[in-house]
């Protein structure tokens, strides 16, 4: 909702910029999508490494 209100304010102040933002937003979102997927994969890999490293401590704590 806040994004829409900010866009409305931008539309009142400078409508060509608001229309350009409206058209370019999906294109930018599609261009950034692979970087998000890589970030998710790297985050998962780091979580896995952390779980492997801390596994002996968890086992010892459970005993």
N, C-alpha and C. Protein backbone atom coordinates (compact mmCIF):
# COMPACT_ATOMS: atom_id res chain seq x y z
N UNK A 1 0.82 -1.19 0.00
CA UNK A 1 0.00 0.00 0.00
C UNK A 1 0.86 1.26 0.00
N UNK A 2 1.97 1.20 0.76
CA UNK A 2 2.85 2.37 0.83
C UNK A 2 3.49 2.63 -0.53
N UNK A 3 3.87 1.54 -1.22
CA UNK A 3 4.47 1.73 -2.56
C UNK A 3 3.49 2.41 -3.51
N UNK A 4 2.22 2.01 -3.41
CA UNK A 4 1.21 2.62 -4.28
C UNK A 4 1.04 4.10 -3.95
N UNK A 5 1.02 4.44 -2.67
CA UNK A 5 0.88 5.84 -2.29
C UNK A 5 2.09 6.66 -2.74
N UNK A 6 3.28 6.09 -2.60
CA UNK A 6 4.48 6.79 -3.10
C UNK A 6 4.42 6.97 -4.61
N UNK A 7 3.91 5.95 -5.30
CA UNK A 7 3.80 6.08 -6.75
C UNK A 7 2.78 7.16 -7.11
N UNK A 8 1.69 7.25 -6.37
CA UNK A 8 0.70 8.30 -6.63
C UNK A 8 1.29 9.69 -6.41
N UNK A 9 2.08 9.83 -5.37
CA UNK A 9 2.74 11.13 -5.13
C UNK A 9 3.70 11.44 -6.27
N UNK A 10 4.47 10.44 -6.71
CA UNK A 10 5.37 10.65 -7.84
C UNK A 10 4.59 10.99 -9.10
N UNK A 11 3.44 10.36 -9.28
CA UNK A 11 2.61 10.64 -10.46
C UNK A 11 2.13 12.09 -10.46
N UNK A 12 1.79 12.60 -9.29
CA UNK A 12 1.33 14.00 -9.20
C UNK A 12 2.50 14.95 -9.45
N UNK A 13 3.68 14.61 -8.92
CA UNK A 13 4.82 15.52 -9.05
C UNK A 13 5.46 15.47 -10.43
N UNK A 14 5.62 14.26 -10.96
CA UNK A 14 6.31 14.12 -12.25
C UNK A 14 5.74 12.88 -12.95
N UNK A 15 4.66 13.07 -13.72
CA UNK A 15 3.98 11.93 -14.30
C UNK A 15 4.80 11.16 -15.32
N UNK A 16 5.70 11.78 -16.12
CA UNK A 16 6.48 10.94 -17.05
C UNK A 16 7.41 9.96 -16.31
N UNK A 17 7.99 10.41 -15.22
CA UNK A 17 8.86 9.54 -14.44
C UNK A 17 8.06 8.41 -13.79
N UNK A 18 6.85 8.71 -13.34
CA UNK A 18 6.00 7.69 -12.73
C UNK A 18 5.59 6.64 -13.76
N UNK A 19 5.27 7.06 -14.96
CA UNK A 19 4.90 6.10 -16.01
C UNK A 19 6.10 5.27 -16.44
N UNK A 20 7.28 5.90 -16.50
CA UNK A 20 8.49 5.14 -16.83
C UNK A 20 8.78 4.10 -15.75
N UNK A 21 8.59 4.47 -14.50
CA UNK A 21 8.80 3.52 -13.41
C UNK A 21 7.80 2.38 -13.49
N UNK A 22 6.58 2.68 -13.85
CA UNK A 22 5.55 1.67 -13.98
C UNK A 22 5.87 0.68 -15.09
N UNK A 23 6.46 1.15 -16.18
CA UNK A 23 6.81 0.28 -17.31
C UNK A 23 8.09 -0.48 -17.04
N UNK A 24 9.08 0.16 -16.42
CA UNK A 24 10.38 -0.46 -16.22
C UNK A 24 10.45 -1.40 -15.03
N UNK A 25 9.53 -1.29 -14.07
CA UNK A 25 9.59 -2.13 -12.87
C UNK A 25 9.56 -3.63 -13.18
N UNK A 26 8.65 -4.12 -14.04
CA UNK A 26 8.68 -5.56 -14.33
C UNK A 26 9.95 -6.01 -15.05
N UNK A 27 10.49 -5.15 -15.89
CA UNK A 27 11.73 -5.50 -16.61
C UNK A 27 12.89 -5.61 -15.63
N UNK A 28 13.00 -4.67 -14.72
CA UNK A 28 14.07 -4.71 -13.72
C UNK A 28 13.89 -5.92 -12.81
N UNK A 29 12.64 -6.23 -12.45
CA UNK A 29 12.37 -7.39 -11.60
C UNK A 29 12.83 -8.67 -12.30
N UNK A 30 12.56 -8.80 -13.59
CA UNK A 30 12.99 -9.99 -14.33
C UNK A 30 14.51 -10.05 -14.45
N UNK A 31 15.16 -8.91 -14.61
CA UNK A 31 16.62 -8.91 -14.70
C UNK A 31 17.28 -9.29 -13.37
N UNK A 32 16.66 -8.95 -12.25
CA UNK A 32 17.24 -9.24 -10.94
C UNK A 32 16.87 -10.62 -10.41
N UNK A 33 15.94 -11.30 -11.06
CA UNK A 33 15.49 -12.60 -10.59
C UNK A 33 16.61 -13.64 -10.50
N UNK A 34 17.52 -13.75 -11.48
CA UNK A 34 18.61 -14.73 -11.33
C UNK A 34 19.51 -14.46 -10.13
N UNK A 35 19.73 -13.19 -9.80
CA UNK A 35 20.55 -12.88 -8.65
C UNK A 35 19.87 -13.30 -7.35
N UNK A 36 18.54 -13.18 -7.30
CA UNK A 36 17.81 -13.65 -6.12
C UNK A 36 17.93 -15.16 -5.99
N UNK A 37 17.82 -15.86 -7.11
CA UNK A 37 17.93 -17.32 -7.06
C UNK A 37 19.32 -17.76 -6.62
N UNK A 38 20.35 -17.06 -7.10
CA UNK A 38 21.71 -17.38 -6.66
C UNK A 38 21.87 -17.08 -5.18
N UNK A 39 21.28 -16.01 -4.71
CA UNK A 39 21.35 -15.68 -3.29
C UNK A 39 20.69 -16.74 -2.43
N UNK A 40 19.56 -17.26 -2.89
CA UNK A 40 18.88 -18.32 -2.14
C UNK A 40 19.74 -19.58 -2.11
N UNK A 41 20.36 -19.92 -3.25
CA UNK A 41 21.20 -21.12 -3.32
C UNK A 41 22.44 -20.98 -2.44
N UNK A 42 23.08 -19.81 -2.47
CA UNK A 42 24.27 -19.60 -1.65
C UNK A 42 23.90 -19.60 -0.17
N UNK A 43 22.78 -19.01 0.18
CA UNK A 43 22.32 -19.02 1.57
C UNK A 43 22.06 -20.44 2.05
N UNK A 44 21.45 -21.26 1.20
CA UNK A 44 21.20 -22.65 1.57
C UNK A 44 22.49 -23.43 1.73
N UNK A 45 23.46 -23.19 0.85
CA UNK A 45 24.74 -23.88 0.94
C UNK A 45 25.48 -23.48 2.23
N UNK A 46 25.43 -22.21 2.58
CA UNK A 46 26.09 -21.76 3.81
C UNK A 46 25.40 -22.32 5.05
N UNK A 47 24.07 -22.43 5.01
CA UNK A 47 23.35 -23.05 6.13
C UNK A 47 23.75 -24.52 6.27
N UNK A 48 23.92 -25.21 5.15
CA UNK A 48 24.33 -26.61 5.19
C UNK A 48 25.73 -26.75 5.78
N UNK A 49 26.66 -25.90 5.37
CA UNK A 49 28.02 -25.95 5.91
C UNK A 49 28.00 -25.66 7.41
N UNK A 50 27.21 -24.67 7.81
CA UNK A 50 27.11 -24.37 9.24
C UNK A 50 26.52 -25.52 10.03
N UNK A 51 25.52 -26.20 9.47
CA UNK A 51 24.92 -27.35 10.16
C UNK A 51 25.92 -28.49 10.29
N UNK A 52 26.73 -28.70 9.26
CA UNK A 52 27.74 -29.76 9.31
C UNK A 52 28.81 -29.42 10.34
N UNK A 53 29.22 -28.17 10.40
CA UNK A 53 30.26 -27.76 11.35
C UNK A 53 29.76 -27.89 12.79
N UNK A 54 28.52 -27.50 13.05
CA UNK A 54 28.00 -27.51 14.42
C UNK A 54 27.37 -28.84 14.82
N UNK A 55 27.36 -29.82 13.92
CA UNK A 55 26.76 -31.11 14.25
C UNK A 55 27.42 -31.80 15.45
N UNK A 56 28.76 -31.87 15.54
CA UNK A 56 29.35 -32.51 16.72
C UNK A 56 28.95 -31.82 18.04
N UNK A 57 28.87 -30.52 18.06
CA UNK A 57 28.48 -29.82 19.28
C UNK A 57 27.04 -30.14 19.65
N UNK A 58 26.16 -30.27 18.69
CA UNK A 58 24.76 -30.62 18.98
C UNK A 58 24.66 -32.03 19.53
N UNK A 59 25.46 -32.93 18.95
CA UNK A 59 25.42 -34.32 19.43
C UNK A 59 25.94 -34.38 20.87
N UNK A 60 27.02 -33.69 21.17
CA UNK A 60 27.57 -33.69 22.51
C UNK A 60 26.61 -33.02 23.51
N UNK A 61 25.92 -31.99 23.08
CA UNK A 61 24.98 -31.30 23.97
C UNK A 61 23.78 -32.18 24.26
N UNK A 62 23.39 -33.05 23.32
CA UNK A 62 22.23 -33.90 23.51
C UNK A 62 22.52 -35.05 24.49
N UNK A 63 23.80 -35.37 24.66
CA UNK A 63 24.17 -36.50 25.55
C UNK A 63 24.08 -36.10 26.99
